[in-house]
Amino acid sequence: MEKKERKRYSAGFKEQVIRRMQEGERVKALSHEFLIAPSVLFTWRQQAEERPGGQKYEKVRRQRAGEVQALEV
């Protein structure tokens, strides 16, 4: 039985997907769109957060919520 070769994704592609997750898109929808397991997407997000200068997901989400609230006023 042959081993299936893993697909590699560029850093830019991963950043775009992570940004969409941070903007509130559902992981399940992104997983279906790109045919990537949800666990892989969560791993990418975690790795991005651990990099120097990386923002935690909840922090980004709260910032965006504040921006939306400011626009509504």
C-alpha atoms as a PDB file:
ATOM      1  CA  MET A   1       0.000   0.000   0.000  1.00  0.00           C
ATOM      2  CA  GLU A   2       1.423   3.365  -1.036  1.00  0.00           C
ATOM      3  CA  LYS A   3       1.695   6.273   1.344  1.00  0.00           C
ATOM      4  CA  LYS A   4      -0.349   9.283   0.326  1.00  0.00           C
ATOM      5  CA  GLU A   5       1.786  12.385  -0.084  1.00  0.00           C
ATOM      6  CA  ARG A   6       0.679  15.277   2.100  1.00  0.00           C
ATOM      7  CA  LYS A   7      -0.227  18.478   0.353  1.00  0.00           C
ATOM      8  CA  ARG A   8       1.820  21.520   1.318  1.00  0.00           C
ATOM      9  CA  TYR A   9       0.315  24.982   1.549  1.00  0.00           C
ATOM     10  CA  SER A  10       2.165  28.288   1.269  1.00  0.00           C
ATOM     11  CA  ALA A  11       2.475  30.597   4.264  1.00  0.00           C
ATOM     12  CA  GLY A  12       0.430  33.207   2.387  1.00  0.00           C
ATOM     13  CA  PHE A  13      -2.424  30.782   1.802  1.00  0.00           C
ATOM     14  CA  LYS A  14      -2.450  29.780   5.479  1.00  0.00           C
ATOM     15  CA  GLU A  15      -2.493  33.452   6.532  1.00  0.00           C
ATOM     16  CA  GLN A  16      -5.500  34.134   4.287  1.00  0.00           C
ATOM     17  CA  VAL A  17      -7.419  31.200   5.757  1.00  0.00           C
ATOM     18  CA  ILE A  18      -6.508  32.203   9.330  1.00  0.00           C
ATOM     19  CA  ARG A  19      -7.598  35.789   8.643  1.00  0.00           C
ATOM     20  CA  ARG A  20     -10.968  34.532   7.414  1.00  0.00           C
ATOM     21  CA  MET A  21     -11.316  32.446  10.602  1.00  0.00           C
ATOM     22  CA  GLN A  22     -10.518  35.525  12.682  1.00  0.00           C
ATOM     23  CA  GLU A  23     -13.111  37.528  10.782  1.00  0.00           C
ATOM     24  CA  GLY A  24     -15.753  35.072  11.902  1.00  0.00           C
ATOM     25  CA  GLU A  25     -16.087  32.576   9.077  1.00  0.00           C
ATOM     26  CA  ARG A  26     -16.963  29.127  10.303  1.00  0.00           C
ATOM     27  CA  VAL A  27     -14.206  26.553  10.298  1.00  0.00           C
ATOM     28  CA  LYS A  28     -16.583  23.956   8.889  1.00  0.00           C
ATOM     29  CA  ALA A  29     -17.338  26.157   5.866  1.00  0.00           C
ATOM     30  CA  LEU A  30     -13.642  26.836   5.237  1.00  0.00           C
ATOM     31  CA  SER A  31     -12.891  23.145   5.643  1.00  0.00           C
ATOM     32  CA  HIS A  32     -15.429  22.252   2.962  1.00  0.00           C
ATOM     33  CA  GLU A  33     -14.329  25.061   0.652  1.00  0.00           C
ATOM     34  CA  PHE A  34     -10.649  24.108   0.703  1.00  0.00           C
ATOM     35  CA  LEU A  35     -11.000  20.357   1.412  1.00  0.00           C
ATOM     36  CA  ILE A  36      -8.819  20.652   4.510  1.00  0.00           C
ATOM     37  CA  ALA A  37      -9.625  18.913   7.800  1.00  0.00           C
ATOM     38  CA  PRO A  38     -10.899  21.286  10.510  1.00  0.00           C
ATOM     39  CA  SER A  39      -8.172  20.033  12.858  1.00  0.00           C
ATOM     40  CA  VAL A  40      -5.548  21.260  10.378  1.00  0.00           C
ATOM     41  CA  LEU A  41      -7.143  24.722  10.283  1.00  0.00           C
ATOM     42  CA  PHE A  42      -7.178  24.918  14.084  1.00  0.00           C
ATOM     43  CA  THR A  43      -3.512  23.848  14.137  1.00  0.00           C
ATOM     44  CA  TRP A  44      -2.608  26.607  11.676  1.00  0.00           C
ATOM     45  CA  ARG A  45      -4.396  29.174  13.834  1.00  0.00           C
ATOM     46  CA  GLN A  46      -2.646  27.968  16.977  1.00  0.00           C
ATOM     47  CA  GLN A  47       0.755  28.068  15.279  1.00  0.00           C
ATOM     48  CA  ALA A  48       0.074  31.622  14.060  1.00  0.00           C
ATOM     49  CA  GLU A  49      -0.836  32.705  17.603  1.00  0.00           C
ATOM     50  CA  GLU A  50       2.403  31.252  18.983  1.00  0.00           C
ATOM     51  CA  ARG A  51       4.615  33.169  16.536  1.00  0.00           C
ATOM     52  CA  PRO A  52       6.231  36.382  17.796  1.00  0.00           C
ATOM     53  CA  GLY A  53       3.708  39.173  17.263  1.00  0.00           C
ATOM     54  CA  GLY A  54       0.848  36.714  16.715  1.00  0.00           C
ATOM     55  CA  GLN A  55      -2.485  37.769  18.159  1.00  0.00           C
ATOM     56  CA  LYS A  56      -4.662  35.430  20.144  1.00  0.00           C
ATOM     57  CA  TYR A  57      -7.916  34.573  18.412  1.00  0.00           C
ATOM     58  CA  GLU A  58     -10.176  35.865  21.194  1.00  0.00           C
ATOM     59  CA  LYS A  59      -8.288  39.166  21.331  1.00  0.00           C
ATOM     60  CA  VAL A  60      -8.739  39.730  17.599  1.00  0.00           C
ATOM     61  CA  ARG A  61     -12.407  38.799  17.847  1.00  0.00           C
ATOM     62  CA  ARG A  62     -13.013  41.277  20.673  1.00  0.00           C
ATOM     63  CA  GLN A  63     -11.188  44.018  18.761  1.00  0.00           C
ATOM     64  CA  ARG A  64     -13.349  43.467  15.703  1.00  0.00           C
ATOM     65  CA  ALA A  65     -16.501  43.466  17.839  1.00  0.00           C
ATOM     66  CA  GLY A  66     -15.408  46.834  19.267  1.00  0.00           C
ATOM     67  CA  GLU A  67     -14.856  48.190  15.760  1.00  0.00           C
ATOM     68  CA  VAL A  68     -18.320  47.091  14.683  1.00  0.00           C
ATOM     69  CA  GLN A  69     -19.861  48.597  17.802  1.00  0.00           C
ATOM     70  CA  ALA A  70     -18.080  51.903  17.134  1.00  0.00           C
ATOM     71  CA  LEU A  71     -19.449  51.956  13.598  1.00  0.00           C
ATOM     72  CA  GLU A  72     -23.004  51.381  14.834  1.00  0.00           C
ATOM     73  CA  VAL A  73     -22.935  54.402  17.141  1.00  0.00           C
END
